[in-house]
Amino acid sequence: MPQKSKIQYTPAAIDDMDEAFSYITQDNVAAAEKMLATLNASISGLADFPNKGSVLSDDEYSLIQRGYRFIVVNPYLVFYRIMNDTVVIHRVLHGRRDYLRELFGTFEL
């Protein structure tokens, strides 16, 4: 059986999750707790199946740093990279945000 990958969060990913939790908590604490539990469960699943996520298309975004994958945890997108035996969670962004700009800053195609 393959060894589990480690999960590591960047400070930006932790901030993203804190921000989402705080925003949802303003209206519904139970919904915020459920959302956080769902995100954590999905991210934990990457330890067993790190290649589960889709790869950002190199064809469409040739100038973007390569190697990012993402999973959808509706309505959030969890962006990560696999580095050796570690899954590094880079960002957790709402699907309606301009996530490419959030990930990579301004860029031209």
PDB file of N, CA and C in Angstrom:
ATOM      1  N   MET A   1       0.846  -1.195   0.000  1.00  0.00           N
ATOM      2  CA  MET A   1       0.000   0.000   0.000  1.00  0.00           C
ATOM      3  C   MET A   1       0.880   1.242   0.000  1.00  0.00           C
ATOM      4  N   PRO A   2       0.592   2.207  -0.890  1.00  0.00           N
ATOM      5  CA  PRO A   2       1.417   3.411  -0.956  1.00  0.00           C
ATOM      6  C   PRO A   2       1.338   4.217   0.337  1.00  0.00           C
ATOM      7  N   GLN A   3       2.436   4.915   0.599  1.00  0.00           N
ATOM      8  CA  GLN A   3       2.501   5.755   1.786  1.00  0.00           C
ATOM      9  C   GLN A   3       1.630   6.996   1.601  1.00  0.00           C
ATOM     10  N   LYS A   4       0.998   7.433   2.681  1.00  0.00           N
ATOM     11  CA  LYS A   4       0.183   8.646   2.625  1.00  0.00           C
ATOM     12  C   LYS A   4       1.078   9.871   2.465  1.00  0.00           C
ATOM     13  N   SER A   5       0.588  10.821   1.717  1.00  0.00           N
ATOM     14  CA  SER A   5       1.280  12.099   1.590  1.00  0.00           C
ATOM     15  C   SER A   5       0.987  12.952   2.817  1.00  0.00           C
ATOM     16  N   LYS A   6       1.888  13.860   3.101  1.00  0.00           N
ATOM     17  CA  LYS A   6       1.654  14.838   4.163  1.00  0.00           C
ATOM     18  C   LYS A   6       0.845  15.981   3.564  1.00  0.00           C
ATOM     19  N   ILE A   7       0.084  16.652   4.394  1.00  0.00           N
ATOM     20  CA  ILE A   7      -0.666  17.838   3.973  1.00  0.00           C
ATOM     21  C   ILE A   7      -0.043  19.039   4.678  1.00  0.00           C
ATOM     22  N   GLN A   8       0.266  20.057   3.904  1.00  0.00           N
ATOM     23  CA  GLN A   8       0.839  21.287   4.448  1.00  0.00           C
ATOM     24  C   GLN A   8       0.056  22.466   3.889  1.00  0.00           C
ATOM     25  N   TYR A   9      -0.263  23.429   4.734  1.00  0.00           N
ATOM     26  CA  TYR A   9      -1.004  24.622   4.326  1.00  0.00           C
ATOM     27  C   TYR A   9      -0.067  25.822   4.277  1.00  0.00           C
ATOM     28  N   THR A  10      -0.210  26.642   3.242  1.00  0.00           N
ATOM     29  CA  THR A  10       0.507  27.907   3.215  1.00  0.00           C
ATOM     30  C   THR A  10      -0.249  28.894   4.105  1.00  0.00           C
ATOM     31  N   PRO A  11       0.424  29.954   4.557  1.00  0.00           N
ATOM     32  CA  PRO A  11      -0.294  30.983   5.329  1.00  0.00           C
ATOM     33  C   PRO A  11      -1.491  31.558   4.564  1.00  0.00           C
ATOM     34  N   ALA A  12      -1.358  31.706   3.248  1.00  0.00           N
ATOM     35  CA  ALA A  12      -2.466  32.255   2.448  1.00  0.00           C
ATOM     36  C   ALA A  12      -3.674  31.320   2.485  1.00  0.00           C
ATOM     37  N   ALA A  13      -3.452  30.010   2.438  1.00  0.00           N
ATOM     38  CA  ALA A  13      -4.559  29.048   2.490  1.00  0.00           C
ATOM     39  C   ALA A  13      -5.258  29.094   3.845  1.00  0.00           C
ATOM     40  N   ILE A  14      -4.470  29.214   4.896  1.00  0.00           N
ATOM     41  CA  ILE A  14      -5.063  29.319   6.242  1.00  0.00           C
ATOM     42  C   ILE A  14      -5.887  30.596   6.348  1.00  0.00           C
ATOM     43  N   ASP A  15      -5.354  31.697   5.823  1.00  0.00           N
ATOM     44  CA  ASP A  15      -6.100  32.964   5.828  1.00  0.00           C
ATOM     45  C   ASP A  15      -7.395  32.841   5.036  1.00  0.00           C
ATOM     46  N   ASP A  16      -7.337  32.156   3.873  1.00  0.00           N
ATOM     47  CA  ASP A  16      -8.536  31.966   3.053  1.00  0.00           C
ATOM     48  C   ASP A  16      -9.618  31.232   3.834  1.00  0.00           C
ATOM     49  N   MET A  17      -9.225  30.164   4.519  1.00  0.00           N
ATOM     50  CA  MET A  17     -10.205  29.376   5.271  1.00  0.00           C
ATOM     51  C   MET A  17     -10.752  30.170   6.458  1.00  0.00           C
ATOM     52  N   ASP A  18      -9.887  30.905   7.138  1.00  0.00           N
ATOM     53  CA  ASP A  18     -10.340  31.760   8.252  1.00  0.00           C
ATOM     54  C   ASP A  18     -11.322  32.818   7.769  1.00  0.00           C
ATOM     55  N   GLU A  19     -11.009  33.424   6.622  1.00  0.00           N
ATOM     56  CA  GLU A  19     -11.868  34.466   6.056  1.00  0.00           C
ATOM     57  C   GLU A  19     -13.250  33.903   5.695  1.00  0.00           C
ATOM     58  N   ALA A  20     -13.264  32.746   5.049  1.00  0.00           N
ATOM     59  CA  ALA A  20     -14.539  32.118   4.671  1.00  0.00           C
ATOM     60  C   ALA A  20     -15.343  31.754   5.911  1.00  0.00           C
ATOM     61  N   PHE A  21     -14.675  31.173   6.901  1.00  0.00           N
ATOM     62  CA  PHE A  21     -15.359  30.787   8.135  1.00  0.00           C
ATOM     63  C   PHE A  21     -15.954  32.016   8.833  1.00  0.00           C
ATOM     64  N   SER A  22     -15.163  33.077   8.939  1.00  0.00           N
ATOM     65  CA  SER A  22     -15.646  34.301   9.602  1.00  0.00           C
ATOM     66  C   SER A  22     -16.830  34.910   8.864  1.00  0.00           C
ATOM     67  N   TYR A  23     -16.756  34.911   7.538  1.00  0.00           N
ATOM     68  CA  TYR A  23     -17.839  35.490   6.745  1.00  0.00           C
ATOM     69  C   TYR A  23     -19.136  34.702   6.933  1.00  0.00           C
ATOM     70  N   ILE A  24     -19.067  33.395   6.851  1.00  0.00           N
ATOM     71  CA  ILE A  24     -20.270  32.560   6.985  1.00  0.00           C
ATOM     72  C   ILE A  24     -20.798  32.596   8.408  1.00  0.00           C
ATOM     73  N   THR A  25     -19.909  32.691   9.391  1.00  0.00           N
ATOM     74  CA  THR A  25     -20.305  32.724  10.801  1.00  0.00           C
ATOM     75  C   THR A  25     -21.198  33.918  11.110  1.00  0.00           C
ATOM     76  N   GLN A  26     -21.039  35.012  10.369  1.00  0.00           N
ATOM     77  CA  GLN A  26     -21.870  36.194  10.606  1.00  0.00           C
ATOM     78  C   GLN A  26     -23.356  35.871  10.460  1.00  0.00           C
ATOM     79  N   ASP A  27     -23.687  34.945   9.574  1.00  0.00           N
ATOM     80  CA  ASP A  27     -25.084  34.583   9.340  1.00  0.00           C
ATOM     81  C   ASP A  27     -25.489  33.262   9.977  1.00  0.00           C
ATOM     82  N   ASN A  28     -24.538  32.292  10.008  1.00  0.00           N
ATOM     83  CA  ASN A  28     -24.937  30.956  10.432  1.00  0.00           C
ATOM     84  C   ASN A  28     -23.714  30.170  10.904  1.00  0.00           C
ATOM     85  N   VAL A  29     -23.558  30.062  12.218  1.00  0.00           N
ATOM     86  CA  VAL A  29     -22.400  29.381  12.797  1.00  0.00           C
ATOM     87  C   VAL A  29     -22.380  27.907  12.401  1.00  0.00           C
ATOM     88  N   ALA A  30     -23.519  27.260  12.429  1.00  0.00           N
ATOM     89  CA  ALA A  30     -23.580  25.832  12.086  1.00  0.00           C
ATOM     90  C   ALA A  30     -23.158  25.590  10.634  1.00  0.00           C
ATOM     91  N   ALA A  31     -23.583  26.466   9.731  1.00  0.00           N
ATOM     92  CA  ALA A  31     -23.197  26.329   8.324  1.00  0.00           C
ATOM     93  C   ALA A  31     -21.693  26.541   8.151  1.00  0.00           C
ATOM     94  N   ALA A  32     -21.131  27.479   8.902  1.00  0.00           N
ATOM     95  CA  ALA A  32     -19.688  27.725   8.827  1.00  0.00           C
ATOM     96  C   ALA A  32     -18.908  26.509   9.316  1.00  0.00           C
ATOM     97  N   GLU A  33     -19.357  25.903  10.397  1.00  0.00           N
ATOM     98  CA  GLU A  33     -18.691  24.714  10.925  1.00  0.00           C
ATOM     99  C   GLU A  33     -18.803  23.537   9.954  1.00  0.00           C
ATOM    100  N   LYS A  34     -19.973  23.397   9.319  1.00  0.00           N
ATOM    101  CA  LYS A  34     -20.165  22.326   8.341  1.00  0.00           C
ATOM    102  C   LYS A  34     -19.263  22.537   7.128  1.00  0.00           C
ATOM    103  N   MET A  35     -19.166  23.782   6.652  1.00  0.00           N
ATOM    104  CA  MET A  35     -18.310  24.095   5.509  1.00  0.00           C
ATOM    105  C   MET A  35     -16.857  23.773   5.823  1.00  0.00           C
ATOM    106  N   LEU A  36     -16.396  24.148   7.008  1.00  0.00           N
ATOM    107  CA  LEU A  36     -15.014  23.897   7.405  1.00  0.00           C
ATOM    108  C   LEU A  36     -14.742  22.400   7.511  1.00  0.00           C
ATOM    109  N   ALA A  37     -15.687  21.652   8.068  1.00  0.00           N
ATOM    110  CA  ALA A  37     -15.539  20.194   8.178  1.00  0.00           C
ATOM    111  C   ALA A  37     -15.479  19.545   6.793  1.00  0.00           C
ATOM    112  N   THR A  38     -16.309  20.018   5.871  1.00  0.00           N
ATOM    113  CA  THR A  38     -16.318  19.487   4.504  1.00  0.00           C
ATOM    114  C   THR A  38     -14.994  19.783   3.802  1.00  0.00           C
ATOM    115  N   LEU A  39     -14.498  21.003   3.938  1.00  0.00           N
ATOM    116  CA  LEU A  39     -13.206  21.359   3.348  1.00  0.00           C
ATOM    117  C   LEU A  39     -12.096  20.486   3.926  1.00  0.00           C
ATOM    118  N   ASN A  40     -12.069  20.355   5.245  1.00  0.00           N
ATOM    119  CA  ASN A  40     -11.023  19.557   5.888  1.00  0.00           C
ATOM    120  C   ASN A  40     -11.077  18.093   5.461  1.00  0.00           C
ATOM    121  N   ALA A  41     -12.262  17.542   5.330  1.00  0.00           N
ATOM    122  CA  ALA A  41     -12.390  16.141   4.906  1.00  0.00           C
ATOM    123  C   ALA A  41     -11.895  15.953   3.479  1.00  0.00           C
ATOM    124  N   SER A  42     -12.251  16.862   2.606  1.00  0.00           N
ATOM    125  CA  SER A  42     -11.813  16.768   1.203  1.00  0.00           C
ATOM    126  C   SER A  42     -10.302  16.932   1.077  1.00  0.00           C
ATOM    127  N   ILE A  43      -9.761  17.882   1.814  1.00  0.00           N
ATOM    128  CA  ILE A  43      -8.314  18.105   1.783  1.00  0.00           C
ATOM    129  C   ILE A  43      -7.581  16.911   2.383  1.00  0.00           C
ATOM    130  N   SER A  44      -8.097  16.344   3.456  1.00  0.00           N
ATOM    131  CA  SER A  44      -7.482  15.159   4.062  1.00  0.00           C
ATOM    132  C   SER A  44      -7.442  13.993   3.090  1.00  0.00           C
ATOM    133  N   GLY A  45      -8.446  13.888   2.216  1.00  0.00           N
ATOM    134  CA  GLY A  45      -8.484  12.827   1.216  1.00  0.00           C
ATOM    135  C   GLY A  45      -7.333  12.908   0.227  1.00  0.00           C
ATOM    136  N   LEU A  46      -6.735  14.091   0.087  1.00  0.00           N
ATOM    137  CA  LEU A  46      -5.596  14.242  -0.812  1.00  0.00           C
ATOM    138  C   LEU A  46      -4.357  13.514  -0.288  1.00  0.00           C
ATOM    139  N   ALA A  47      -4.321  13.215   1.007  1.00  0.00           N
ATOM    140  CA  ALA A  47      -3.190  12.463   1.562  1.00  0.00           C
ATOM    141  C   ALA A  47      -3.128  11.066   0.945  1.00  0.00           C
ATOM    142  N   ASP A  48      -4.289  10.478   0.681  1.00  0.00           N
ATOM    143  CA  ASP A  48      -4.344   9.145   0.080  1.00  0.00           C
ATOM    144  C   ASP A  48      -4.299   9.199  -1.443  1.00  0.00           C
ATOM    145  N   PHE A  49      -4.883  10.223  -2.023  1.00  0.00           N
ATOM    146  CA  PHE A  49      -4.987  10.342  -3.481  1.00  0.00           C
ATOM    147  C   PHE A  49      -4.566  11.743  -3.932  1.00  0.00           C
ATOM    148  N   PRO A  50      -3.265  12.059  -3.870  1.00  0.00           N
ATOM    149  CA  PRO A  50      -2.830  13.423  -4.199  1.00  0.00           C
ATOM    150  C   PRO A  50      -3.061  13.816  -5.654  1.00  0.00           C
ATOM    151  N   ASN A  51      -3.156  12.855  -6.558  1.00  0.00           N
ATOM    152  CA  ASN A  51      -3.372  13.178  -7.972  1.00  0.00           C
ATOM    153  C   ASN A  51      -4.844  13.300  -8.334  1.00  0.00           C
ATOM    154  N   LYS A  52      -5.692  13.279  -7.336  1.00  0.00           N
ATOM    155  CA  LYS A  52      -7.137  13.325  -7.552  1.00  0.00           C
ATOM    156  C   LYS A  52      -7.595  14.596  -8.258  1.00  0.00           C
ATOM    157  N   GLY A  53      -6.967  15.707  -7.982  1.00  0.00           N
ATOM    158  CA  GLY A  53      -7.407  16.986  -8.526  1.00  0.00           C
ATOM    159  C   GLY A  53      -7.061  17.174  -9.984  1.00  0.00           C
ATOM    160  N   SER A  54      -7.772  18.087 -10.612  1.00  0.00           N
ATOM    161  CA  SER A  54      -7.518  18.447 -12.008  1.00  0.00           C
ATOM    162  C   SER A  54      -6.299  19.353 -12.086  1.00  0.00           C
ATOM    163  N   VAL A  55      -5.606  19.285 -13.213  1.00  0.00           N
ATOM    164  CA  VAL A  55      -4.438  20.128 -13.451  1.00  0.00           C
ATOM    165  C   VAL A  55      -4.897  21.381 -14.178  1.00  0.00           C
ATOM    166  N   LEU A  56      -4.357  22.536 -13.766  1.00  0.00           N
ATOM    167  CA  LEU A  56      -4.636  23.757 -14.521  1.00  0.00           C
ATOM    168  C   LEU A  56      -4.049  23.589 -15.914  1.00  0.00           C
ATOM    169  N   SER A  57      -4.797  23.926 -16.914  1.00  0.00           N
ATOM    170  CA  SER A  57      -4.414  23.709 -18.307  1.00  0.00           C
ATOM    171  C   SER A  57      -3.206  24.551 -18.708  1.00  0.00           C
ATOM    172  N   ASP A  58      -2.157  23.880 -19.186  1.00  0.00           N
ATOM    173  CA  ASP A  58      -0.986  24.593 -19.687  1.00  0.00           C
ATOM    174  C   ASP A  58      -1.285  25.272 -21.011  1.00  0.00           C
ATOM    175  N   ASP A  59      -2.178  24.695 -21.798  1.00  0.00           N
ATOM    176  CA  ASP A  59      -2.483  25.257 -23.116  1.00  0.00           C
ATOM    177  C   ASP A  59      -3.105  26.641 -23.007  1.00  0.00           C
ATOM    178  N   GLU A  60      -4.093  26.775 -22.124  1.00  0.00           N
ATOM    179  CA  GLU A  60      -4.792  28.040 -22.009  1.00  0.00           C
ATOM    180  C   GLU A  60      -3.981  29.100 -21.272  1.00  0.00           C
ATOM    181  N   TYR A  61      -3.157  28.689 -20.333  1.00  0.00           N
ATOM    182  CA  TYR A  61      -2.455  29.635 -19.476  1.00  0.00           C
ATOM    183  C   TYR A  61      -0.950  29.360 -19.529  1.00  0.00           C
ATOM    184  N   SER A  62      -0.381  29.557 -20.711  1.00  0.00           N
ATOM    185  CA  SER A  62       1.015  29.183 -20.923  1.00  0.00           C
ATOM    186  C   SER A  62       1.997  29.978 -20.073  1.00  0.00           C
ATOM    187  N   LEU A  63       1.619  31.140 -19.615  1.00  0.00           N
ATOM    188  CA  LEU A  63       2.533  31.941 -18.810  1.00  0.00           C
ATOM    189  C   LEU A  63       2.384  31.702 -17.320  1.00  0.00           C
ATOM    190  N   ILE A  64       1.441  30.879 -16.943  1.00  0.00           N
ATOM    191  CA  ILE A  64       1.180  30.623 -15.532  1.00  0.00           C
ATOM    192  C   ILE A  64       2.138  29.558 -15.013  1.00  0.00           C
ATOM    193  N   GLN A  65       2.562  29.739 -13.776  1.00  0.00           N
ATOM    194  CA  GLN A  65       3.422  28.736 -13.151  1.00  0.00           C
ATOM    195  C   GLN A  65       2.728  27.384 -13.185  1.00  0.00           C
ATOM    196  N   ARG A  66       3.427  26.356 -13.612  1.00  0.00           N
ATOM    197  CA  ARG A  66       2.826  25.036 -13.809  1.00  0.00           C
ATOM    198  C   ARG A  66       2.882  24.193 -12.558  1.00  0.00           C
ATOM    199  N   GLY A  67       2.082  23.144 -12.579  1.00  0.00           N
ATOM    200  CA  GLY A  67       2.116  22.185 -11.491  1.00  0.00           C
ATOM    201  C   GLY A  67       0.991  22.319 -10.489  1.00  0.00           C
ATOM    202  N   TYR A  68       0.119  23.278 -10.679  1.00  0.00           N
ATOM    203  CA  TYR A  68      -0.997  23.432  -9.762  1.00  0.00           C
ATOM    204  C   TYR A  68      -2.130  22.486 -10.136  1.00  0.00           C
ATOM    205  N   ARG A  69      -2.750  21.924  -9.142  1.00  0.00           N
ATOM    206  CA  ARG A  69      -3.947  21.114  -9.286  1.00  0.00           C
ATOM    207  C   ARG A  69      -5.027  21.764  -8.426  1.00  0.00           C
ATOM    208  N   PHE A  70      -6.261  21.337  -8.654  1.00  0.00           N
ATOM    209  CA  PHE A  70      -7.324  21.835  -7.783  1.00  0.00           C
ATOM    210  C   PHE A  70      -8.421  20.790  -7.646  1.00  0.00           C
ATOM    211  N   ILE A  71      -9.093  20.864  -6.515  1.00  0.00           N
ATOM    212  CA  ILE A  71     -10.309  20.084  -6.294  1.00  0.00           C
ATOM    213  C   ILE A  71     -11.426  21.071  -6.004  1.00  0.00           C
ATOM    214  N   VAL A  72     -12.627  20.654  -6.332  1.00  0.00           N
ATOM    215  CA  VAL A  72     -13.806  21.473  -6.073  1.00  0.00           C
ATOM    216  C   VAL A  72     -14.473  20.960  -4.811  1.00  0.00           C
ATOM    217  N   VAL A  73     -14.639  21.856  -3.858  1.00  0.00           N
ATOM    218  CA  VAL A  73     -15.407  21.593  -2.643  1.00  0.00           C
ATOM    219  C   VAL A  73     -16.453  22.696  -2.644  1.00  0.00           C
ATOM    220  N   ASN A  74     -17.523  22.446  -3.366  1.00  0.00           N
ATOM    221  CA  ASN A  74     -18.523  23.442  -3.709  1.00  0.00           C
ATOM    222  C   ASN A  74     -18.908  24.322  -2.530  1.00  0.00           C
ATOM    223  N   PRO A  75     -18.808  25.641  -2.655  1.00  0.00           N
ATOM    224  CA  PRO A  75     -18.480  26.475  -3.810  1.00  0.00           C
ATOM    225  C   PRO A  75     -17.010  26.885  -3.865  1.00  0.00           C
ATOM    226  N   TYR A  76     -16.133  26.180  -3.160  1.00  0.00           N
ATOM    227  CA  TYR A  76     -14.726  26.555  -3.081  1.00  0.00           C
ATOM    228  C   TYR A  76     -13.856  25.714  -4.013  1.00  0.00           C
ATOM    229  N   LEU A  77     -12.742  26.309  -4.409  1.00  0.00           N
ATOM    230  CA  LEU A  77     -11.714  25.620  -5.188  1.00  0.00           C
ATOM    231  C   LEU A  77     -10.465  25.569  -4.316  1.00  0.00           C
ATOM    232  N   VAL A  78      -9.933  24.378  -4.138  1.00  0.00           N
ATOM    233  CA  VAL A  78      -8.739  24.181  -3.321  1.00  0.00           C
ATOM    234  C   VAL A  78      -7.570  23.959  -4.281  1.00  0.00           C
ATOM    235  N   PHE A  79      -6.622  24.901  -4.307  1.00  0.00           N
ATOM    236  CA  PHE A  79      -5.476  24.834  -5.205  1.00  0.00           C
ATOM    237  C   PHE A  79      -4.277  24.299  -4.435  1.00  0.00           C
ATOM    238  N   TYR A  80      -3.605  23.319  -5.041  1.00  0.00           N
ATOM    239  CA  TYR A  80      -2.468  22.696  -4.370  1.00  0.00           C
ATOM    240  C   TYR A  80      -1.431  22.235  -5.373  1.00  0.00           C
ATOM    241  N   ARG A  81      -0.247  21.929  -4.853  1.00  0.00           N
ATOM    242  CA  ARG A  81       0.821  21.335  -5.653  1.00  0.00           C
ATOM    243  C   ARG A  81       1.366  20.142  -4.883  1.00  0.00           C
ATOM    244  N   ILE A  82       1.841  19.169  -5.617  1.00  0.00           N
ATOM    245  CA  ILE A  82       2.454  17.995  -5.017  1.00  0.00           C
ATOM    246  C   ILE A  82       3.964  18.206  -5.081  1.00  0.00           C
ATOM    247  N   MET A  83       4.594  18.207  -3.921  1.00  0.00           N
ATOM    248  CA  MET A  83       6.038  18.422  -3.841  1.00  0.00           C
ATOM    249  C   MET A  83       6.629  17.274  -3.028  1.00  0.00           C
ATOM    250  N   ASN A  84       7.276  16.340  -3.758  1.00  0.00           N
ATOM    251  CA  ASN A  84       7.818  15.118  -3.158  1.00  0.00           C
ATOM    252  C   ASN A  84       6.687  14.331  -2.517  1.00  0.00           C
ATOM    253  N   ASP A  85       6.722  14.121  -1.209  1.00  0.00           N
ATOM    254  CA  ASP A  85       5.667  13.353  -0.540  1.00  0.00           C
ATOM    255  C   ASP A  85       4.704  14.260   0.223  1.00  0.00           C
ATOM    256  N   THR A  86       4.623  15.536  -0.191  1.00  0.00           N
ATOM    257  CA  THR A  86       3.787  16.508   0.511  1.00  0.00           C
ATOM    258  C   THR A  86       2.815  17.173  -0.455  1.00  0.00           C
ATOM    259  N   VAL A  87       1.567  17.291  -0.032  1.00  0.00           N
ATOM    260  CA  VAL A  87       0.560  18.059  -0.763  1.00  0.00           C
ATOM    261  C   VAL A  87       0.517  19.434  -0.100  1.00  0.00           C
ATOM    262  N   VAL A  88       0.917  20.447  -0.852  1.00  0.00           N
ATOM    263  CA  VAL A  88       0.960  21.805  -0.313  1.00  0.00           C
ATOM    264  C   VAL A  88      -0.294  22.547  -0.782  1.00  0.00           C
ATOM    265  N   ILE A  89      -1.151  22.884   0.168  1.00  0.00           N
ATOM    266  CA  ILE A  89      -2.379  23.624  -0.119  1.00  0.00           C
ATOM    267  C   ILE A  89      -1.999  25.102  -0.221  1.00  0.00           C
ATOM    268  N   HIS A  90      -2.157  25.675  -1.426  1.00  0.00           N
ATOM    269  CA  HIS A  90      -1.747  27.060  -1.651  1.00  0.00           C
ATOM    270  C   HIS A  90      -2.865  28.051  -1.387  1.00  0.00           C
ATOM    271  N   ARG A  91      -4.057  27.766  -1.881  1.00  0.00           N
ATOM    272  CA  ARG A  91      -5.171  28.697  -1.697  1.00  0.00           C
ATOM    273  C   ARG A  91      -6.472  27.920  -1.627  1.00  0.00           C
ATOM    274  N   VAL A  92      -7.451  28.493  -0.951  1.00  0.00           N
ATOM    275  CA  VAL A  92      -8.820  27.979  -0.893  1.00  0.00           C
ATOM    276  C   VAL A  92      -9.701  29.175  -1.239  1.00  0.00           C
ATOM    277  N   LEU A  93     -10.187  29.205  -2.498  1.00  0.00           N
ATOM    278  CA  LEU A  93     -10.879  30.387  -3.000  1.00  0.00           C
ATOM    279  C   LEU A  93     -12.303  30.052  -3.427  1.00  0.00           C
ATOM    280  N   HIS A  94     -13.193  30.997  -3.207  1.00  0.00           N
ATOM    281  CA  HIS A  94     -14.568  30.839  -3.668  1.00  0.00           C
ATOM    282  C   HIS A  94     -14.555  30.788  -5.191  1.00  0.00           C
ATOM    283  N   GLY A  95     -15.358  29.919  -5.762  1.00  0.00           N
ATOM    284  CA  GLY A  95     -15.385  29.716  -7.201  1.00  0.00           C
ATOM    285  C   GLY A  95     -15.783  30.941  -8.003  1.00  0.00           C
ATOM    286  N   ARG A  96     -16.443  31.901  -7.389  1.00  0.00           N
ATOM    287  CA  ARG A  96     -16.858  33.113  -8.108  1.00  0.00           C
ATOM    288  C   ARG A  96     -15.779  34.189  -8.138  1.00  0.00           C
ATOM    289  N   ARG A  97     -14.707  33.968  -7.407  1.00  0.00           N
ATOM    290  CA  ARG A  97     -13.621  34.947  -7.419  1.00  0.00           C
ATOM    291  C   ARG A  97     -12.773  34.765  -8.672  1.00  0.00           C
ATOM    292  N   ASP A  98     -12.006  35.751  -8.985  1.00  0.00           N
ATOM    293  CA  ASP A  98     -11.055  35.679 -10.104  1.00  0.00           C
ATOM    294  C   ASP A  98      -9.844  34.904  -9.583  1.00  0.00           C
ATOM    295  N   TYR A  99      -9.980  33.594  -9.534  1.00  0.00           N
ATOM    296  CA  TYR A  99      -8.978  32.770  -8.859  1.00  0.00           C
ATOM    297  C   TYR A  99      -7.627  32.780  -9.556  1.00  0.00           C
ATOM    298  N   LEU A 100      -7.581  32.936 -10.880  1.00  0.00           N
ATOM    299  CA  LEU A 100      -6.282  33.006 -11.557  1.00  0.00           C
ATOM    300  C   LEU A 100      -5.512  34.249 -11.131  1.00  0.00           C
ATOM    301  N   ARG A 101      -6.221  35.360 -11.018  1.00  0.00           N
ATOM    302  CA  ARG A 101      -5.575  36.590 -10.564  1.00  0.00           C
ATOM    303  C   ARG A 101      -5.135  36.463  -9.096  1.00  0.00           C
ATOM    304  N   GLU A 102      -5.967  35.801  -8.294  1.00  0.00           N
ATOM    305  CA  GLU A 102      -5.620  35.589  -6.882  1.00  0.00           C
ATOM    306  C   GLU A 102      -4.381  34.700  -6.749  1.00  0.00           C
ATOM    307  N   LEU A 103      -4.277  33.690  -7.602  1.00  0.00           N
ATOM    308  CA  LEU A 103      -3.142  32.771  -7.535  1.00  0.00           C
ATOM    309  C   LEU A 103      -1.866  33.375  -8.082  1.00  0.00           C
ATOM    310  N   PHE A 104      -1.965  34.040  -9.222  1.00  0.00           N
ATOM    311  CA  PHE A 104      -0.776  34.414  -9.964  1.00  0.00           C
ATOM    312  C   PHE A 104      -0.587  35.914 -10.142  1.00  0.00           C
ATOM    313  N   GLY A 105      -1.465  36.726  -9.604  1.00  0.00           N
ATOM    314  CA  GLY A 105      -1.352  38.166  -9.796  1.00  0.00           C
ATOM    315  C   GLY A 105      -1.776  38.528 -11.217  1.00  0.00           C
ATOM    316  N   THR A 106      -1.375  39.684 -11.648  1.00  0.00           N
ATOM    317  CA  THR A 106      -1.739  40.109 -13.004  1.00  0.00           C
ATOM    318  C   THR A 106      -0.831  39.417 -14.011  1.00  0.00           C
ATOM    319  N   PHE A 107      -1.417  39.016 -15.122  1.00  0.00           N
ATOM    320  CA  PHE A 107      -0.670  38.369 -16.184  1.00  0.00           C
ATOM    321  C   PHE A 107      -1.359  38.631 -17.493  1.00  0.00           C
ATOM    322  N   GLU A 108      -0.624  38.492 -18.564  1.00  0.00           N
ATOM    323  CA  GLU A 108      -1.187  38.653 -19.901  1.00  0.00           C
ATOM    324  C   GLU A 108      -1.036  37.352 -20.647  1.00  0.00           C
ATOM    325  N   LEU A 109      -2.038  37.013 -21.426  1.00  0.00           N
ATOM    326  CA  LEU A 109      -1.988  35.799 -22.248  1.00  0.00           C
ATOM    327  C   LEU A 109      -1.511  36.135 -23.639  1.00  0.00           C
TER     328      LEU A 109
END
